[in-house]
């Protein structure tokens, strides 16, 4: 079986879970913003004087009371003796720090709206907002936003240190070559010439 055929099988399995995920997300949105008019995929830019560039972001959805970020949790795809299958996912009761940082950034774009992060599988959805998740309260979002700025400044310092020298930059950034060898999601489809160029920076 070719890689193209495998990719098509995986896409078909994911597509089977998509309608349930969408339905569960819509259900949670309507509980909080029923009767609202919505804006989808709105682009914003956010400037902060502490860093030398702007943030560009896209909000999944804006209602009258909340802005929303959706996280689709598809199952893992595996090949078994009976063929390809996709597993079920369960939603954790804690949200990821990187997602909180994103919400903190989005809040700067639409300060008049409350944040709502929705994790959804084909079987369930959980809406996290400031009434049930302390991390999404305004004071805590400001702390996570400041942390995001700190990370951005660290990257700026790395770029200044490298001063345009890619090999120098690579010397202070760890690349997980085991992920490349396993051909994981982020590396799948990357042309071999780029991987070879990356590898040569470390030898």
N, C-alpha and C. Protein backbone atom coordinates (compact mmCIF):
# COMPACT_ATOMS: atom_id res chain seq x y z
N UNK A 1 0.84 -1.19 0.00
CA UNK A 1 0.00 0.00 0.00
C UNK A 1 0.88 1.25 0.00
N UNK A 2 0.55 2.21 -0.84
CA UNK A 2 1.34 3.43 -0.93
C UNK A 2 1.03 4.36 0.23
N UNK A 3 1.94 5.33 0.47
CA UNK A 3 1.72 6.32 1.52
C UNK A 3 0.47 7.13 1.22
N UNK A 4 0.22 7.37 -0.06
CA UNK A 4 -0.97 8.15 -0.45
C UNK A 4 -2.24 7.41 -0.04
N UNK A 5 -2.26 6.09 -0.25
CA UNK A 5 -3.43 5.30 0.13
C UNK A 5 -3.62 5.29 1.64
N UNK A 6 -2.50 5.16 2.37
CA UNK A 6 -2.58 5.19 3.82
C UNK A 6 -3.13 6.52 4.32
N UNK A 7 -2.66 7.59 3.73
CA UNK A 7 -3.14 8.92 4.13
C UNK A 7 -4.63 9.07 3.85
N UNK A 8 -5.10 8.49 2.74
CA UNK A 8 -6.52 8.58 2.42
C UNK A 8 -7.35 7.80 3.42
N UNK A 9 -6.86 6.63 3.83
CA UNK A 9 -7.57 5.82 4.83
C UNK A 9 -7.67 6.58 6.14
N UNK A 10 -6.57 7.20 6.55
CA UNK A 10 -6.56 7.96 7.79
C UNK A 10 -7.52 9.14 7.71
N UNK A 11 -7.51 9.82 6.56
CA UNK A 11 -8.41 10.97 6.38
C UNK A 11 -9.87 10.53 6.46
N UNK A 12 -10.19 9.37 5.88
CA UNK A 12 -11.56 8.86 5.92
C UNK A 12 -11.99 8.53 7.34
N UNK A 13 -11.09 7.96 8.14
CA UNK A 13 -11.43 7.62 9.52
C UNK A 13 -11.67 8.88 10.35
N UNK A 14 -10.83 9.89 10.14
CA UNK A 14 -11.00 11.16 10.86
C UNK A 14 -12.31 11.82 10.45
N UNK A 15 -12.64 11.74 9.16
CA UNK A 15 -13.87 12.35 8.66
C UNK A 15 -15.11 11.74 9.30
N UNK A 16 -15.03 10.47 9.68
CA UNK A 16 -16.17 9.82 10.33
C UNK A 16 -16.44 10.40 11.72
N UNK A 17 -15.38 10.89 12.38
CA UNK A 17 -15.56 11.47 13.71
C UNK A 17 -15.94 12.95 13.66
N UNK A 18 -15.65 13.59 12.54
CA UNK A 18 -15.84 15.04 12.44
C UNK A 18 -17.28 15.51 12.69
N UNK A 19 -18.32 14.88 12.12
CA UNK A 19 -19.68 15.38 12.34
C UNK A 19 -20.07 15.40 13.82
N UNK A 20 -19.69 14.35 14.55
CA UNK A 20 -20.01 14.30 15.98
C UNK A 20 -19.30 15.40 16.75
N UNK A 21 -18.04 15.66 16.39
CA UNK A 21 -17.28 16.72 17.04
C UNK A 21 -17.93 18.08 16.80
N UNK A 22 -18.29 18.34 15.55
CA UNK A 22 -18.92 19.62 15.21
C UNK A 22 -20.23 19.79 15.96
N UNK A 23 -21.03 18.75 16.01
CA UNK A 23 -22.32 18.82 16.70
C UNK A 23 -22.14 19.12 18.19
N UNK A 24 -21.14 18.51 18.80
CA UNK A 24 -20.91 18.72 20.22
C UNK A 24 -20.40 20.14 20.51
N UNK A 25 -19.57 20.67 19.60
CA UNK A 25 -19.09 22.04 19.76
C UNK A 25 -20.26 23.03 19.66
N UNK A 26 -21.10 22.85 18.65
CA UNK A 26 -22.25 23.74 18.46
C UNK A 26 -23.15 23.72 19.69
N UNK A 27 -23.35 22.53 20.26
CA UNK A 27 -24.19 22.41 21.45
C UNK A 27 -23.67 23.23 22.61
N UNK A 28 -22.35 23.21 22.82
CA UNK A 28 -21.76 23.97 23.92
C UNK A 28 -21.84 25.47 23.66
N UNK A 29 -21.61 25.89 22.43
CA UNK A 29 -21.68 27.31 22.09
C UNK A 29 -23.09 27.86 22.35
N UNK A 30 -24.10 27.11 21.94
CA UNK A 30 -25.47 27.60 22.07
C UNK A 30 -25.93 27.66 23.52
N UNK A 31 -25.30 26.91 24.39
CA UNK A 31 -25.62 27.01 25.82
C UNK A 31 -25.20 28.36 26.39
N UNK A 32 -24.12 28.92 25.84
CA UNK A 32 -23.56 30.16 26.39
C UNK A 32 -23.95 31.40 25.60
N UNK A 33 -24.18 31.24 24.31
CA UNK A 33 -24.46 32.39 23.44
C UNK A 33 -25.68 32.13 22.58
N UNK A 34 -26.71 31.57 23.14
CA UNK A 34 -27.92 31.25 22.37
C UNK A 34 -28.58 32.54 21.87
N UNK A 35 -28.89 32.56 20.58
CA UNK A 35 -29.55 33.72 19.99
C UNK A 35 -28.61 34.81 19.55
N UNK A 36 -27.30 34.60 19.73
CA UNK A 36 -26.33 35.62 19.35
C UNK A 36 -26.09 35.61 17.84
N UNK A 37 -25.55 36.71 17.36
CA UNK A 37 -24.98 36.73 16.02
C UNK A 37 -23.50 36.44 16.18
N UNK A 38 -22.92 35.71 15.26
CA UNK A 38 -21.55 35.24 15.42
C UNK A 38 -20.66 35.75 14.29
N UNK A 39 -19.37 35.89 14.63
CA UNK A 39 -18.32 36.16 13.65
C UNK A 39 -17.32 35.02 13.74
N UNK A 40 -16.92 34.51 12.59
CA UNK A 40 -16.01 33.36 12.58
C UNK A 40 -14.69 33.72 11.90
N UNK A 41 -13.61 33.13 12.42
CA UNK A 41 -12.27 33.25 11.83
C UNK A 41 -11.89 34.70 11.56
N UNK A 42 -12.02 35.54 12.59
CA UNK A 42 -11.65 36.94 12.45
C UNK A 42 -10.17 37.11 12.77
N UNK A 43 -9.46 37.86 11.93
CA UNK A 43 -8.03 38.08 12.11
C UNK A 43 -7.79 39.32 12.95
N UNK A 44 -6.83 39.23 13.88
CA UNK A 44 -6.43 40.37 14.70
C UNK A 44 -4.91 40.43 14.77
N UNK A 45 -4.39 41.62 14.96
CA UNK A 45 -2.98 41.80 15.27
C UNK A 45 -2.87 42.52 16.60
N UNK A 46 -1.90 42.09 17.41
CA UNK A 46 -1.74 42.64 18.75
C UNK A 46 -0.29 43.07 18.93
N UNK A 47 -0.11 44.33 19.31
CA UNK A 47 1.23 44.86 19.51
C UNK A 47 1.51 45.00 21.00
N UNK A 48 2.73 44.64 21.40
CA UNK A 48 3.17 44.83 22.78
C UNK A 48 4.56 45.44 22.73
N UNK A 49 4.75 46.58 23.39
CA UNK A 49 6.03 47.29 23.33
C UNK A 49 7.20 46.49 23.91
N UNK A 50 6.90 45.46 24.67
CA UNK A 50 7.98 44.68 25.29
C UNK A 50 8.67 43.75 24.29
N UNK A 51 8.05 43.53 23.14
CA UNK A 51 8.66 42.69 22.11
C UNK A 51 8.71 43.48 20.81
N UNK A 52 9.60 43.09 19.92
CA UNK A 52 9.83 43.87 18.72
C UNK A 52 9.01 43.45 17.52
N UNK A 53 7.87 42.87 17.74
CA UNK A 53 7.02 42.48 16.62
C UNK A 53 5.58 42.41 17.11
N UNK A 54 4.67 42.06 16.23
CA UNK A 54 3.27 41.94 16.62
C UNK A 54 2.83 40.49 16.54
N UNK A 55 1.79 40.17 17.28
CA UNK A 55 1.17 38.85 17.23
C UNK A 55 0.03 38.89 16.22
N UNK A 56 -0.05 37.88 15.39
CA UNK A 56 -1.15 37.74 14.45
C UNK A 56 -1.97 36.53 14.87
N UNK A 57 -3.26 36.69 15.04
CA UNK A 57 -4.08 35.56 15.49
C UNK A 57 -5.45 35.57 14.81
N UNK A 58 -6.07 34.42 14.81
CA UNK A 58 -7.41 34.23 14.24
C UNK A 58 -8.31 33.62 15.31
N UNK A 59 -9.40 34.29 15.62
CA UNK A 59 -10.34 33.77 16.59
C UNK A 59 -11.34 32.86 15.90
N UNK A 60 -11.52 31.66 16.45
CA UNK A 60 -12.43 30.70 15.84
C UNK A 60 -13.84 31.25 15.73
N UNK A 61 -14.33 31.84 16.84
CA UNK A 61 -15.71 32.33 16.84
C UNK A 61 -15.89 33.41 17.90
N UNK A 62 -16.71 34.41 17.57
CA UNK A 62 -17.08 35.45 18.52
C UNK A 62 -18.60 35.55 18.59
N UNK A 63 -19.12 35.52 19.81
CA UNK A 63 -20.54 35.72 20.02
C UNK A 63 -20.79 37.04 20.72
N UNK A 64 -21.95 37.17 21.34
CA UNK A 64 -22.27 38.41 22.05
C UNK A 64 -21.59 38.47 23.41
N UNK A 65 -21.36 37.29 24.03
CA UNK A 65 -20.82 37.25 25.37
C UNK A 65 -19.41 36.65 25.44
N UNK A 66 -19.10 35.74 24.53
CA UNK A 66 -17.85 34.99 24.61
C UNK A 66 -17.11 35.01 23.27
N UNK A 67 -15.79 34.82 23.37
CA UNK A 67 -15.03 34.40 22.20
C UNK A 67 -14.61 32.96 22.45
N UNK A 68 -14.49 32.19 21.36
CA UNK A 68 -14.30 30.75 21.48
C UNK A 68 -13.05 30.27 20.74
N UNK A 69 -12.42 29.29 21.36
CA UNK A 69 -11.34 28.57 20.68
C UNK A 69 -11.71 27.10 20.74
N UNK A 70 -11.70 26.44 19.59
CA UNK A 70 -12.12 25.04 19.51
C UNK A 70 -10.93 24.11 19.35
N UNK A 71 -10.92 23.03 20.10
CA UNK A 71 -9.89 22.00 19.99
C UNK A 71 -10.56 20.67 19.67
N UNK A 72 -10.33 20.20 18.44
CA UNK A 72 -10.91 18.94 17.99
C UNK A 72 -10.01 17.79 18.42
N UNK A 73 -10.53 16.89 19.21
CA UNK A 73 -9.73 15.77 19.73
C UNK A 73 -10.11 14.49 19.00
N UNK A 74 -9.37 14.21 17.95
CA UNK A 74 -9.60 12.98 17.20
C UNK A 74 -8.87 11.82 17.87
N UNK A 75 -9.32 10.61 17.59
CA UNK A 75 -8.68 9.44 18.15
C UNK A 75 -7.36 9.12 17.44
N UNK A 76 -6.62 8.19 18.01
CA UNK A 76 -5.37 7.74 17.40
C UNK A 76 -5.68 6.68 16.34
N UNK A 77 -4.93 6.74 15.25
CA UNK A 77 -5.15 5.81 14.14
C UNK A 77 -4.08 4.73 14.17
N UNK A 78 -4.53 3.47 14.10
CA UNK A 78 -3.61 2.34 14.16
C UNK A 78 -3.98 1.30 13.10
N UNK A 79 -2.95 0.61 12.66
CA UNK A 79 -3.18 -0.51 11.75
C UNK A 79 -3.14 -1.80 12.56
N UNK A 80 -4.21 -2.59 12.48
CA UNK A 80 -4.30 -3.85 13.20
C UNK A 80 -4.40 -5.00 12.19
N UNK A 81 -4.51 -6.21 12.71
CA UNK A 81 -4.66 -7.38 11.82
C UNK A 81 -5.96 -7.30 11.02
N UNK A 82 -6.95 -6.60 11.57
CA UNK A 82 -8.23 -6.47 10.88
C UNK A 82 -8.30 -5.24 9.97
N UNK A 83 -7.21 -4.49 9.94
CA UNK A 83 -7.20 -3.28 9.11
C UNK A 83 -6.95 -2.04 9.95
N UNK A 84 -7.29 -0.90 9.40
CA UNK A 84 -7.07 0.37 10.08
C UNK A 84 -8.25 0.70 11.00
N UNK A 85 -7.95 1.29 12.16
CA UNK A 85 -9.01 1.68 13.09
C UNK A 85 -8.63 2.98 13.78
N UNK A 86 -9.62 3.67 14.33
CA UNK A 86 -9.40 4.91 15.06
C UNK A 86 -9.98 4.77 16.45
N UNK A 87 -9.22 5.17 17.44
CA UNK A 87 -9.64 4.99 18.83
C UNK A 87 -10.56 6.12 19.29
N UNK A 88 -11.14 5.93 20.47
CA UNK A 88 -11.95 6.96 21.11
C UNK A 88 -11.04 7.83 21.97
N UNK A 89 -11.40 9.09 22.15
CA UNK A 89 -10.64 10.00 23.01
C UNK A 89 -11.48 10.39 24.21
N UNK A 90 -10.81 10.58 25.32
CA UNK A 90 -11.45 11.12 26.52
C UNK A 90 -10.89 12.53 26.76
N UNK A 91 -11.74 13.39 27.30
CA UNK A 91 -11.33 14.76 27.57
C UNK A 91 -10.85 14.88 29.01
N UNK A 92 -9.65 15.41 29.16
CA UNK A 92 -9.10 15.64 30.49
C UNK A 92 -9.82 16.81 31.15
N UNK A 93 -9.79 16.84 32.48
CA UNK A 93 -10.46 17.93 33.18
C UNK A 93 -9.55 19.14 33.36
N UNK A 94 -8.33 19.07 32.83
CA UNK A 94 -7.41 20.19 32.88
C UNK A 94 -7.08 20.64 31.45
N UNK A 95 -6.86 21.94 31.30
CA UNK A 95 -6.52 22.45 29.97
C UNK A 95 -5.01 22.66 29.87
N UNK A 96 -4.50 22.58 28.65
CA UNK A 96 -3.07 22.69 28.41
C UNK A 96 -2.62 24.14 28.56
N UNK A 97 -1.42 24.32 29.11
CA UNK A 97 -0.88 25.66 29.33
C UNK A 97 -0.79 26.45 28.03
N UNK A 98 -0.38 25.79 26.94
CA UNK A 98 -0.26 26.51 25.67
C UNK A 98 -1.62 27.04 25.21
N UNK A 99 -2.69 26.32 25.54
CA UNK A 99 -4.02 26.78 25.17
C UNK A 99 -4.45 27.98 26.02
N UNK A 100 -4.06 27.96 27.29
CA UNK A 100 -4.37 29.11 28.15
C UNK A 100 -3.64 30.35 27.65
N UNK A 101 -2.39 30.18 27.23
CA UNK A 101 -1.63 31.31 26.71
C UNK A 101 -2.29 31.88 25.45
N UNK A 102 -2.80 30.99 24.61
CA UNK A 102 -3.51 31.46 23.41
C UNK A 102 -4.74 32.27 23.81
N UNK A 103 -5.49 31.77 24.79
CA UNK A 103 -6.68 32.49 25.23
C UNK A 103 -6.32 33.85 25.82
N UNK A 104 -5.18 33.90 26.54
CA UNK A 104 -4.73 35.15 27.12
C UNK A 104 -4.41 36.17 26.02
N UNK A 105 -3.81 35.69 24.94
CA UNK A 105 -3.51 36.56 23.80
C UNK A 105 -4.80 37.03 23.11
N UNK A 106 -5.72 36.11 22.87
CA UNK A 106 -6.97 36.47 22.21
C UNK A 106 -7.77 37.49 23.02
N UNK A 107 -7.68 37.35 24.34
CA UNK A 107 -8.41 38.28 25.22
C UNK A 107 -7.95 39.71 24.99
N UNK A 108 -6.68 39.90 24.64
CA UNK A 108 -6.17 41.24 24.35
C UNK A 108 -6.82 41.81 23.09
N UNK A 109 -7.21 40.93 22.17
CA UNK A 109 -7.83 41.38 20.92
C UNK A 109 -9.29 41.76 21.12
N UNK A 110 -9.97 41.04 22.02
CA UNK A 110 -11.41 41.30 22.24
C UNK A 110 -11.67 41.39 23.75
N UNK A 111 -11.18 42.44 24.40
CA UNK A 111 -11.29 42.54 25.86
C UNK A 111 -12.72 42.60 26.39
N UNK A 112 -13.67 42.93 25.53
CA UNK A 112 -15.07 43.04 25.96
C UNK A 112 -15.77 41.69 26.02
N UNK A 113 -15.13 40.63 25.52
CA UNK A 113 -15.73 39.30 25.52
C UNK A 113 -15.03 38.38 26.52
N UNK A 114 -15.79 37.44 27.05
CA UNK A 114 -15.25 36.46 27.98
C UNK A 114 -14.70 35.26 27.21
N UNK A 115 -13.65 34.63 27.72
CA UNK A 115 -13.04 33.50 26.99
C UNK A 115 -13.76 32.18 27.24
N UNK A 116 -13.82 31.37 26.20
CA UNK A 116 -14.36 30.02 26.33
C UNK A 116 -13.56 29.09 25.42
N UNK A 117 -12.95 28.11 26.03
CA UNK A 117 -12.16 27.11 25.31
C UNK A 117 -12.94 25.80 25.31
N UNK A 118 -13.18 25.25 24.14
CA UNK A 118 -13.98 24.03 24.04
C UNK A 118 -13.14 22.89 23.48
N UNK A 119 -13.01 21.83 24.27
CA UNK A 119 -12.41 20.57 23.81
C UNK A 119 -13.55 19.65 23.41
N UNK A 120 -13.43 19.02 22.24
CA UNK A 120 -14.53 18.17 21.78
C UNK A 120 -14.04 16.90 21.12
N UNK A 121 -14.72 15.79 21.44
CA UNK A 121 -14.55 14.53 20.74
C UNK A 121 -15.87 14.22 20.05
N UNK A 122 -15.94 13.09 19.39
CA UNK A 122 -17.21 12.75 18.74
C UNK A 122 -18.28 12.36 19.75
N UNK A 123 -17.88 12.08 21.01
CA UNK A 123 -18.83 11.63 22.03
C UNK A 123 -19.18 12.69 23.06
N UNK A 124 -18.34 13.70 23.22
CA UNK A 124 -18.58 14.69 24.27
C UNK A 124 -17.83 15.98 23.96
N UNK A 125 -18.19 17.01 24.72
CA UNK A 125 -17.48 18.29 24.64
C UNK A 125 -17.49 18.92 26.02
N UNK A 126 -16.42 19.63 26.33
CA UNK A 126 -16.32 20.34 27.61
C UNK A 126 -15.97 21.79 27.31
N UNK A 127 -16.76 22.71 27.86
CA UNK A 127 -16.52 24.14 27.69
C UNK A 127 -15.86 24.69 28.95
N UNK A 128 -14.64 25.21 28.80
CA UNK A 128 -13.92 25.81 29.90
C UNK A 128 -14.06 27.32 29.80
N UNK A 129 -14.52 27.96 30.88
CA UNK A 129 -14.65 29.42 30.91
C UNK A 129 -14.37 29.91 32.33
N UNK A 130 -14.43 31.19 32.52
CA UNK A 130 -13.99 31.75 33.80
C UNK A 130 -14.86 31.34 34.98
N UNK A 131 -16.08 30.90 34.72
CA UNK A 131 -16.96 30.48 35.81
C UNK A 131 -16.63 29.08 36.34
N UNK A 132 -15.93 28.27 35.53
CA UNK A 132 -15.60 26.92 35.99
C UNK A 132 -14.11 26.61 35.92
N UNK A 133 -13.31 27.57 35.46
CA UNK A 133 -11.87 27.34 35.30
C UNK A 133 -11.11 28.58 35.77
N UNK A 134 -10.50 28.52 36.96
CA UNK A 134 -9.80 29.70 37.50
C UNK A 134 -8.74 30.27 36.56
N UNK A 135 -8.08 29.41 35.78
CA UNK A 135 -7.02 29.88 34.89
C UNK A 135 -7.53 30.87 33.84
N UNK A 136 -8.83 30.85 33.57
CA UNK A 136 -9.38 31.73 32.54
C UNK A 136 -9.99 33.01 33.10
N UNK A 137 -9.80 33.24 34.39
CA UNK A 137 -10.24 34.51 34.97
C UNK A 137 -9.28 35.62 34.55
N UNK A 138 -9.77 36.86 34.48
CA UNK A 138 -8.95 37.97 33.96
C UNK A 138 -7.59 38.11 34.61
N UNK A 139 -7.50 38.01 35.95
CA UNK A 139 -6.21 38.20 36.62
C UNK A 139 -5.23 37.11 36.24
N UNK A 140 -5.71 35.88 36.12
CA UNK A 140 -4.82 34.78 35.74
C UNK A 140 -4.44 34.83 34.27
N UNK A 141 -5.36 35.25 33.42
CA UNK A 141 -5.03 35.40 32.01
C UNK A 141 -3.91 36.42 31.81
N UNK A 142 -3.92 37.48 32.62
CA UNK A 142 -2.85 38.47 32.51
C UNK A 142 -1.51 37.85 32.86
N UNK A 143 -1.48 36.97 33.85
CA UNK A 143 -0.23 36.29 34.24
C UNK A 143 0.26 35.40 33.10
N UNK A 144 -0.65 34.69 32.46
CA UNK A 144 -0.25 33.82 31.34
C UNK A 144 0.19 34.65 30.14
N UNK A 145 -0.44 35.79 29.95
CA UNK A 145 -0.03 36.67 28.85
C UNK A 145 1.40 37.18 29.10
N UNK A 146 1.69 37.57 30.33
CA UNK A 146 3.04 38.02 30.66
C UNK A 146 4.06 36.90 30.46
N UNK A 147 3.65 35.68 30.75
CA UNK A 147 4.53 34.53 30.52
C UNK A 147 4.79 34.33 29.03
N UNK A 148 3.75 34.53 28.22
CA UNK A 148 3.90 34.44 26.77
C UNK A 148 4.90 35.48 26.27
N UNK A 149 4.80 36.69 26.79
CA UNK A 149 5.74 37.74 26.41
C UNK A 149 7.17 37.35 26.79
N UNK A 150 7.32 36.73 27.96
CA UNK A 150 8.64 36.28 28.40
C UNK A 150 9.24 35.30 27.40
N UNK A 151 8.44 34.32 26.97
CA UNK A 151 8.92 33.34 25.98
C UNK A 151 9.30 34.02 24.67
N UNK A 152 8.50 34.99 24.28
CA UNK A 152 8.79 35.71 23.04
C UNK A 152 10.12 36.45 23.14
N UNK A 153 10.37 37.06 24.31
CA UNK A 153 11.62 37.79 24.52
C UNK A 153 12.82 36.85 24.51
N UNK A 154 12.63 35.63 25.03
CA UNK A 154 13.70 34.64 25.00
C UNK A 154 14.07 34.31 23.55
N UNK A 155 13.04 34.16 22.70
CA UNK A 155 13.30 33.89 21.29
C UNK A 155 14.01 35.06 20.63
N UNK A 156 13.63 36.26 20.99
CA UNK A 156 14.32 37.44 20.44
C UNK A 156 15.79 37.43 20.83
N UNK A 157 16.08 37.05 22.07
CA UNK A 157 17.46 36.99 22.53
C UNK A 157 18.26 35.93 21.76
N UNK A 158 17.61 34.81 21.46
CA UNK A 158 18.28 33.77 20.67
C UNK A 158 18.63 34.28 19.28
N UNK A 159 17.69 35.00 18.67
CA UNK A 159 17.93 35.53 17.33
C UNK A 159 19.02 36.60 17.33
N UNK A 160 19.04 37.41 18.38
CA UNK A 160 20.11 38.41 18.49
C UNK A 160 21.47 37.73 18.65
N UNK A 161 21.51 36.68 19.46
CA UNK A 161 22.75 35.96 19.69
C UNK A 161 23.26 35.35 18.37
N UNK A 162 22.35 34.77 17.61
CA UNK A 162 22.75 34.13 16.34
C UNK A 162 23.18 35.16 15.30
N UNK A 163 22.57 36.33 15.32
CA UNK A 163 22.93 37.42 14.41
C UNK A 163 22.97 36.97 12.96
N UNK A 164 21.95 36.20 12.55
CA UNK A 164 21.85 35.77 11.16
C UNK A 164 22.61 34.50 10.83
N UNK A 165 23.33 33.93 11.80
CA UNK A 165 24.10 32.70 11.58
C UNK A 165 23.23 31.50 11.98
N UNK A 166 22.74 30.77 10.98
CA UNK A 166 21.83 29.66 11.23
C UNK A 166 22.48 28.57 12.08
N UNK A 167 23.74 28.27 11.81
CA UNK A 167 24.44 27.24 12.58
C UNK A 167 24.60 27.65 14.05
N UNK A 168 24.81 28.91 14.28
CA UNK A 168 24.91 29.42 15.64
C UNK A 168 23.57 29.33 16.36
N UNK A 169 22.51 29.61 15.62
CA UNK A 169 21.17 29.48 16.19
C UNK A 169 20.87 28.03 16.53
N UNK A 170 21.25 27.11 15.65
CA UNK A 170 21.01 25.70 15.89
C UNK A 170 21.74 25.20 17.13
N UNK A 171 22.86 25.84 17.47
CA UNK A 171 23.66 25.40 18.61
C UNK A 171 22.96 25.63 19.95
N UNK A 172 21.91 26.48 19.96
CA UNK A 172 21.19 26.73 21.21
C UNK A 172 19.73 26.28 21.13
N UNK A 173 19.39 25.53 20.08
CA UNK A 173 18.04 24.99 19.92
C UNK A 173 18.13 23.48 19.76
N UNK A 174 17.44 22.75 20.60
CA UNK A 174 17.48 21.29 20.55
C UNK A 174 16.49 20.77 19.51
N UNK A 175 16.98 19.95 18.61
CA UNK A 175 16.11 19.28 17.64
C UNK A 175 15.96 17.82 18.04
N UNK A 176 14.73 17.34 18.09
CA UNK A 176 14.47 15.94 18.47
C UNK A 176 14.55 15.07 17.21
N UNK A 177 15.74 14.51 16.98
CA UNK A 177 15.93 13.70 15.78
C UNK A 177 15.18 12.38 15.84
N UNK A 178 14.84 11.92 17.05
CA UNK A 178 14.05 10.69 17.15
C UNK A 178 12.68 10.88 16.52
N UNK A 179 12.12 12.11 16.63
CA UNK A 179 10.84 12.39 16.00
C UNK A 179 10.96 12.37 14.48
N UNK A 180 12.09 12.83 13.97
CA UNK A 180 12.33 12.80 12.52
C UNK A 180 12.42 11.36 12.04
N UNK A 181 13.17 10.52 12.79
CA UNK A 181 13.33 9.12 12.39
C UNK A 181 12.01 8.36 12.42
N UNK A 182 11.15 8.72 13.38
CA UNK A 182 9.85 8.05 13.49
C UNK A 182 8.83 8.59 12.48
N UNK A 183 9.22 9.67 11.78
CA UNK A 183 8.34 10.27 10.77
C UNK A 183 6.99 10.65 11.37
N UNK A 184 7.06 11.36 12.51
CA UNK A 184 5.83 11.75 13.19
C UNK A 184 5.10 12.85 12.42
N UNK A 185 3.94 13.22 12.95
CA UNK A 185 3.02 14.11 12.27
C UNK A 185 3.70 15.37 11.72
N UNK A 186 4.49 16.06 12.57
CA UNK A 186 5.06 17.34 12.17
C UNK A 186 6.12 17.19 11.09
N UNK A 187 6.72 16.00 10.98
CA UNK A 187 7.79 15.80 10.00
C UNK A 187 7.31 15.07 8.75
N UNK A 188 6.16 14.46 8.83
CA UNK A 188 5.65 13.70 7.68
C UNK A 188 5.45 14.62 6.48
N UNK A 189 6.01 14.23 5.36
CA UNK A 189 5.84 15.02 4.15
C UNK A 189 6.90 16.08 3.94
N UNK A 190 7.79 16.29 4.95
CA UNK A 190 8.87 17.27 4.78
C UNK A 190 9.91 16.70 3.81
N UNK A 191 10.24 17.46 2.80
CA UNK A 191 11.18 16.99 1.78
C UNK A 191 12.52 16.62 2.42
N UNK A 192 13.10 15.52 1.95
CA UNK A 192 14.35 15.01 2.53
C UNK A 192 15.49 16.03 2.44
N UNK A 193 15.48 16.88 1.43
CA UNK A 193 16.56 17.86 1.29
C UNK A 193 16.59 18.84 2.46
N UNK A 194 15.40 19.17 3.01
CA UNK A 194 15.35 20.08 4.14
C UNK A 194 15.83 19.39 5.42
N UNK A 195 15.48 18.13 5.56
CA UNK A 195 15.95 17.37 6.72
C UNK A 195 17.46 17.21 6.68
N UNK A 196 18.01 16.98 5.48
CA UNK A 196 19.46 16.86 5.34
C UNK A 196 20.15 18.18 5.69
N UNK A 197 19.57 19.30 5.25
CA UNK A 197 20.15 20.60 5.57
C UNK A 197 20.11 20.86 7.08
N UNK A 198 19.02 20.44 7.72
CA UNK A 198 18.91 20.60 9.16
C UNK A 198 19.96 19.75 9.88
N UNK A 199 20.11 18.52 9.45
CA UNK A 199 21.05 17.60 10.08
C UNK A 199 22.48 18.12 10.00
N UNK A 200 22.83 18.70 8.87
CA UNK A 200 24.19 19.20 8.67
C UNK A 200 24.53 20.36 9.61
N UNK A 201 23.51 21.02 10.16
CA UNK A 201 23.78 22.10 11.10
C UNK A 201 24.32 21.60 12.42
N UNK A 202 24.15 20.30 12.67
CA UNK A 202 24.54 19.74 13.96
C UNK A 202 25.77 18.83 13.86
N UNK A 203 26.34 18.68 12.69
CA UNK A 203 27.49 17.79 12.53
C UNK A 203 28.70 18.57 12.00
